[in-house]
């Protein structure tokens, strides 16, 4: 991409995989899976390091969208994000 003229790069990070409703349903749990979240967090940290390397080596302007943090904040404090559990029918 750099050879083609790209000078700015925006990457969306990995969300906390253990908080995906499908994962929680398959595992029949209500809480997020900490081990899967740890993998996603580690991946995002390494991704951020690589983006810093691209800044240094190629002079790219980079940004990482912290989806992990956004979702973790919503899961941890749903009312702060205006998320509420609706009553069952």
N, C-alpha and C. Protein backbone atom coordinates (compact mmCIF):
# COMPACT_ATOMS: atom_id res chain seq x y z
N UNK A 1 0.82 -1.17 0.00
CA UNK A 1 0.00 0.00 0.00
C UNK A 1 0.87 1.25 0.00
N UNK A 2 1.96 1.20 0.75
CA UNK A 2 2.85 2.35 0.80
C UNK A 2 3.44 2.63 -0.57
N UNK A 3 3.81 1.57 -1.29
CA UNK A 3 4.37 1.73 -2.64
C UNK A 3 3.36 2.34 -3.61
N UNK A 4 2.09 2.16 -3.31
CA UNK A 4 1.04 2.71 -4.17
C UNK A 4 0.66 4.13 -3.77
N UNK A 5 1.29 4.65 -2.71
CA UNK A 5 1.05 6.03 -2.32
C UNK A 5 0.31 6.24 -1.00
N UNK A 6 -0.06 5.17 -0.32
CA UNK A 6 -0.77 5.31 0.95
C UNK A 6 0.15 5.97 1.98
N UNK A 7 -0.35 6.97 2.66
CA UNK A 7 0.43 7.65 3.69
C UNK A 7 -0.32 7.69 5.03
N UNK A 8 -1.58 7.32 5.01
CA UNK A 8 -2.39 7.27 6.22
C UNK A 8 -3.08 5.92 6.29
N UNK A 9 -3.12 5.37 7.49
CA UNK A 9 -3.69 4.04 7.67
C UNK A 9 -4.51 4.00 8.95
N UNK A 10 -5.76 3.60 8.83
CA UNK A 10 -6.63 3.44 9.99
C UNK A 10 -6.99 1.97 10.09
N UNK A 11 -6.73 1.39 11.27
CA UNK A 11 -7.00 -0.02 11.52
C UNK A 11 -8.01 -0.13 12.66
N UNK A 12 -8.97 -1.00 12.48
CA UNK A 12 -9.94 -1.28 13.54
C UNK A 12 -9.44 -2.49 14.31
N UNK A 13 -9.26 -2.34 15.61
CA UNK A 13 -8.75 -3.42 16.45
C UNK A 13 -9.78 -4.53 16.63
N UNK A 14 -9.34 -5.60 17.25
CA UNK A 14 -10.21 -6.75 17.51
C UNK A 14 -11.03 -6.48 18.77
N UNK A 15 -12.30 -6.80 18.71
CA UNK A 15 -13.19 -6.63 19.86
C UNK A 15 -12.95 -7.73 20.88
N UNK A 16 -13.44 -7.57 22.10
CA UNK A 16 -13.27 -8.63 23.11
C UNK A 16 -14.08 -9.86 22.70
N UNK A 17 -13.38 -10.83 22.15
CA UNK A 17 -14.04 -12.01 21.58
C UNK A 17 -14.88 -12.77 22.59
N UNK A 18 -14.47 -12.75 23.84
CA UNK A 18 -15.19 -13.48 24.88
C UNK A 18 -16.53 -12.86 25.25
N UNK A 19 -16.80 -11.66 24.76
CA UNK A 19 -18.06 -10.98 25.07
C UNK A 19 -19.07 -11.08 23.93
N UNK A 20 -18.69 -11.75 22.85
CA UNK A 20 -19.61 -11.91 21.73
C UNK A 20 -20.77 -12.80 22.18
N UNK A 21 -22.01 -12.37 21.95
CA UNK A 21 -23.16 -13.16 22.41
C UNK A 21 -23.14 -14.62 21.94
N UNK A 22 -22.70 -14.87 20.73
CA UNK A 22 -22.64 -16.25 20.23
C UNK A 22 -21.71 -17.10 21.09
N UNK A 23 -20.56 -16.56 21.44
CA UNK A 23 -19.60 -17.30 22.28
C UNK A 23 -20.21 -17.59 23.64
N UNK A 24 -20.85 -16.58 24.23
CA UNK A 24 -21.46 -16.77 25.55
C UNK A 24 -22.59 -17.79 25.49
N UNK A 25 -23.32 -17.82 24.38
CA UNK A 25 -24.41 -18.79 24.22
C UNK A 25 -23.86 -20.20 24.05
N UNK A 26 -22.85 -20.34 23.20
CA UNK A 26 -22.26 -21.66 22.96
C UNK A 26 -21.68 -22.23 24.25
N UNK A 27 -21.06 -21.38 25.05
CA UNK A 27 -20.44 -21.83 26.30
C UNK A 27 -21.42 -21.84 27.47
N UNK A 28 -22.64 -21.39 27.21
CA UNK A 28 -23.71 -21.38 28.21
C UNK A 28 -23.28 -20.64 29.50
N UNK A 29 -22.75 -19.41 29.27
CA UNK A 29 -22.32 -18.57 30.40
C UNK A 29 -22.91 -17.17 30.23
N UNK A 30 -22.99 -16.45 31.34
CA UNK A 30 -23.48 -15.08 31.28
C UNK A 30 -22.34 -14.06 31.23
N UNK A 31 -21.19 -14.42 31.78
CA UNK A 31 -20.04 -13.52 31.80
C UNK A 31 -19.17 -13.73 30.57
N UNK A 32 -18.35 -12.73 30.29
CA UNK A 32 -17.42 -12.83 29.16
C UNK A 32 -16.32 -13.85 29.46
N UNK A 33 -15.82 -14.48 28.41
CA UNK A 33 -14.73 -15.46 28.53
C UNK A 33 -13.40 -14.70 28.61
N UNK A 34 -12.77 -14.74 29.77
CA UNK A 34 -11.55 -13.98 30.00
C UNK A 34 -10.39 -14.44 29.12
N UNK A 35 -10.30 -15.74 28.84
CA UNK A 35 -9.18 -16.24 28.04
C UNK A 35 -9.27 -15.73 26.60
N UNK A 36 -10.47 -15.71 26.03
CA UNK A 36 -10.63 -15.18 24.67
C UNK A 36 -10.38 -13.67 24.65
N UNK A 37 -10.82 -12.98 25.68
CA UNK A 37 -10.57 -11.54 25.76
C UNK A 37 -9.08 -11.26 25.87
N UNK A 38 -8.36 -12.10 26.58
CA UNK A 38 -6.92 -11.94 26.73
C UNK A 38 -6.21 -12.07 25.38
N UNK A 39 -6.66 -13.02 24.57
CA UNK A 39 -6.08 -13.20 23.23
C UNK A 39 -6.31 -11.95 22.39
N UNK A 40 -7.52 -11.43 22.41
CA UNK A 40 -7.85 -10.23 21.63
C UNK A 40 -7.04 -9.03 22.11
N UNK A 41 -6.92 -8.87 23.43
CA UNK A 41 -6.16 -7.76 24.00
C UNK A 41 -4.70 -7.84 23.58
N UNK A 42 -4.13 -9.03 23.66
CA UNK A 42 -2.74 -9.24 23.28
C UNK A 42 -2.52 -8.92 21.80
N UNK A 43 -3.45 -9.38 20.96
CA UNK A 43 -3.35 -9.10 19.53
C UNK A 43 -3.35 -7.60 19.27
N UNK A 44 -4.25 -6.88 19.93
CA UNK A 44 -4.34 -5.43 19.74
C UNK A 44 -3.06 -4.73 20.19
N UNK A 45 -2.47 -5.20 21.28
CA UNK A 45 -1.22 -4.61 21.77
C UNK A 45 -0.10 -4.80 20.74
N UNK A 46 -0.02 -5.99 20.16
CA UNK A 46 1.00 -6.26 19.14
C UNK A 46 0.73 -5.47 17.87
N UNK A 47 -0.53 -5.32 17.53
CA UNK A 47 -0.91 -4.53 16.37
C UNK A 47 -0.48 -3.08 16.56
N UNK A 48 -0.68 -2.54 17.74
CA UNK A 48 -0.28 -1.17 18.04
C UNK A 48 1.24 -1.01 17.90
N UNK A 49 1.99 -2.01 18.35
CA UNK A 49 3.45 -1.97 18.20
C UNK A 49 3.84 -1.94 16.72
N UNK A 50 3.17 -2.75 15.92
CA UNK A 50 3.48 -2.78 14.49
C UNK A 50 3.12 -1.46 13.80
N UNK A 51 2.03 -0.84 14.23
CA UNK A 51 1.67 0.46 13.67
C UNK A 51 2.72 1.50 14.02
N UNK A 52 3.25 1.43 15.23
CA UNK A 52 4.33 2.34 15.62
C UNK A 52 5.57 2.10 14.76
N UNK A 53 5.86 0.84 14.45
CA UNK A 53 6.99 0.53 13.56
C UNK A 53 6.78 1.14 12.18
N UNK A 54 5.55 1.06 11.67
CA UNK A 54 5.27 1.65 10.35
C UNK A 54 5.43 3.16 10.38
N UNK A 55 5.05 3.78 11.47
CA UNK A 55 5.24 5.23 11.61
C UNK A 55 6.73 5.57 11.52
N UNK A 56 7.53 4.81 12.26
CA UNK A 56 8.96 5.08 12.33
C UNK A 56 9.66 4.78 11.00
N UNK A 57 9.40 3.62 10.43
CA UNK A 57 10.12 3.17 9.23
C UNK A 57 9.66 3.85 7.96
N UNK A 58 8.35 4.05 7.82
CA UNK A 58 7.82 4.56 6.56
C UNK A 58 7.22 5.96 6.66
N UNK A 59 7.12 6.47 7.87
CA UNK A 59 6.53 7.79 8.03
C UNK A 59 5.02 7.83 7.84
N UNK A 60 4.38 6.67 7.99
CA UNK A 60 2.92 6.62 7.85
C UNK A 60 2.24 7.27 9.03
N UNK A 61 1.11 7.89 8.78
CA UNK A 61 0.26 8.35 9.86
C UNK A 61 -0.74 7.23 10.10
N UNK A 62 -0.77 6.72 11.33
CA UNK A 62 -1.62 5.57 11.62
C UNK A 62 -2.53 5.85 12.81
N UNK A 63 -3.63 5.13 12.83
CA UNK A 63 -4.56 5.21 13.96
C UNK A 63 -5.17 3.83 14.17
N UNK A 64 -5.33 3.47 15.44
CA UNK A 64 -5.98 2.22 15.80
C UNK A 64 -7.30 2.55 16.49
N UNK A 65 -8.39 2.07 15.92
CA UNK A 65 -9.71 2.26 16.53
C UNK A 65 -9.85 1.22 17.63
N UNK A 66 -9.99 1.68 18.87
CA UNK A 66 -10.01 0.79 20.03
C UNK A 66 -11.42 0.24 20.29
N UNK A 67 -11.85 -0.69 19.44
CA UNK A 67 -13.15 -1.32 19.60
C UNK A 67 -13.19 -2.14 20.89
N UNK A 68 -12.06 -2.75 21.22
CA UNK A 68 -11.97 -3.56 22.44
C UNK A 68 -12.36 -2.71 23.65
N UNK A 69 -11.74 -1.56 23.78
CA UNK A 69 -12.02 -0.68 24.91
C UNK A 69 -13.46 -0.19 24.93
N UNK A 70 -13.99 0.15 23.76
CA UNK A 70 -15.37 0.62 23.68
C UNK A 70 -16.36 -0.43 24.19
N UNK A 71 -16.17 -1.65 23.74
CA UNK A 71 -17.09 -2.72 24.13
C UNK A 71 -16.89 -3.10 25.59
N UNK A 72 -15.64 -3.13 26.04
CA UNK A 72 -15.39 -3.45 27.46
C UNK A 72 -16.05 -2.42 28.38
N UNK A 73 -15.98 -1.14 28.00
CA UNK A 73 -16.64 -0.12 28.82
C UNK A 73 -18.15 -0.32 28.83
N UNK A 74 -18.72 -0.70 27.70
CA UNK A 74 -20.17 -0.94 27.63
C UNK A 74 -20.56 -2.17 28.45
N UNK A 75 -19.74 -3.21 28.43
CA UNK A 75 -20.03 -4.43 29.18
C UNK A 75 -19.88 -4.18 30.68
N UNK A 76 -18.85 -3.43 31.04
CA UNK A 76 -18.58 -3.15 32.45
C UNK A 76 -19.60 -2.20 33.06
N UNK A 77 -19.99 -1.18 32.32
CA UNK A 77 -20.93 -0.17 32.81
C UNK A 77 -22.03 0.09 31.77
N UNK A 78 -22.92 -0.86 31.56
CA UNK A 78 -23.92 -0.71 30.50
C UNK A 78 -24.82 0.51 30.66
N UNK A 79 -25.13 0.88 31.88
CA UNK A 79 -26.02 2.03 32.08
C UNK A 79 -25.35 3.34 31.66
N UNK A 80 -24.02 3.42 31.80
CA UNK A 80 -23.30 4.61 31.34
C UNK A 80 -23.38 4.76 29.83
N UNK A 81 -23.61 3.66 29.14
CA UNK A 81 -23.73 3.67 27.68
C UNK A 81 -25.18 3.63 27.24
N UNK A 82 -26.09 3.83 28.21
CA UNK A 82 -27.53 3.80 27.97
C UNK A 82 -28.01 2.44 27.46
N UNK A 83 -27.39 1.38 27.95
CA UNK A 83 -27.80 0.02 27.61
C UNK A 83 -28.53 -0.60 28.80
N UNK A 84 -29.70 -1.11 28.56
CA UNK A 84 -30.51 -1.70 29.62
C UNK A 84 -31.05 -3.04 29.16
N UNK A 85 -31.29 -3.92 30.11
CA UNK A 85 -31.90 -5.22 29.81
C UNK A 85 -33.41 -5.01 29.75
N UNK A 86 -33.99 -5.45 28.66
CA UNK A 86 -35.43 -5.32 28.54
C UNK A 86 -36.12 -6.48 29.28
N UNK A 87 -37.30 -6.23 29.81
CA UNK A 87 -38.00 -7.32 30.50
C UNK A 87 -38.42 -8.42 29.54
N UNK A 88 -38.38 -9.64 30.00
CA UNK A 88 -38.77 -10.78 29.17
C UNK A 88 -40.27 -10.73 28.92
N UNK A 89 -40.70 -11.15 27.72
CA UNK A 89 -42.14 -11.12 27.43
C UNK A 89 -42.91 -12.14 28.22
